[in-house]
Amino acid sequence: MTAAGAACVAYGVVLERRWYRLRHLAIPGALRTPGELTILHISDIHLSPGQDHRAAFLAELAGEHYDLVVATGDLLGDVGMEDATVGAMAPLTADGTPGLVVLGSNDLFGPTPKSPLLYFTSPGTRRYGHRHDTERMLRGLAALGYRTLRNDRTTVETAAGTVAVGGIDDPHLDPTRLPGRERIAVDAPDAALHLGLVHAPYRAALDLMVDAGHDLVLAGHTHGGQVRLPGIGALTANCDLPLDQARGLSRWGPSALHVSPGLGHSPYAPFRFACRPEATLLHLAGAS
């Protein structure tokens, strides 16, 4: 390995993976009613032992202004982290702000050793480890005001009015079967926002969200590529999403799509390059 290559690896392992940031993004016209709504979107926390720095960043986010918290899965990063993850999520809804959650595959199964090269040579490869106590985590999150959607829909009251939400189980799981449209379709047509949630933004899942009437879809899973090259961008999305949509705000048909770069990583790929871990404040506006 050259000196330059070694320096890049050291930077990605030691510095960038802990260099958290909060990004602000405006989505004008996202609301169907006049007013404004701010959503804190977090994803892929992958909380493991010894990551107090990640929990500290989440606690810092609680000092920001937002009307709704959305966590799009892969909150657990290792076995036995259910209570610690609930504790890390607690500050975000401590003031009564509502929270929404969909699950990723890592919220059900622990990590397994996997060569990082598989993300490039065989994207979408699935390997399952120890079964987590997912229900324990979900009970803890529910006590904090989070609603978890698993091929289901709900409504949430916010400062901007009613938000109609549909959320599905992680299509990265094998064998996940996407639910019928009626399970997640908007059933509050006068809502200020029609919001779809999914962990892994596979094309079929995004198409389902659009067909179900959701104007904004939030997802995670990709880690923004985790490794990005200047002038090229993400090298993998670990699903069939186009690489130029692996991070940030884009369009999927008539709907807006936001894919979070996430805050964490697998313990077997503790590296980020040109893709800092981040949370996002989405500033939605409607007709004046």
Foldseek 3Di string as FASTA:
>chain_A
DDPVVVVQFCCFQPPQLLPEDEAEAEDEAQWADFDKFKEWEFEQLLDDPPPVSSLVVLLVCLPDDGQEYEYQENQHNAAPCLVVSLVSNQSNCVVPRAYEYEYAPCLFFYDDADDPCCLQVPQLDDDGHHGHPNVSSVVSNVVSRYDYAALAWDWDQTPVGIETEFEHHEVSDPPDDRDDLVRGAGPCVPTGFHEYGYAQPAPVSVVSSVVSPGQEYEYEQQLQLQEADVPGGHSGRSHPPPSVQSAAWDDDVNHIYHYANHNHDHPNDSTGYPRHHYMYIYMYGHDD
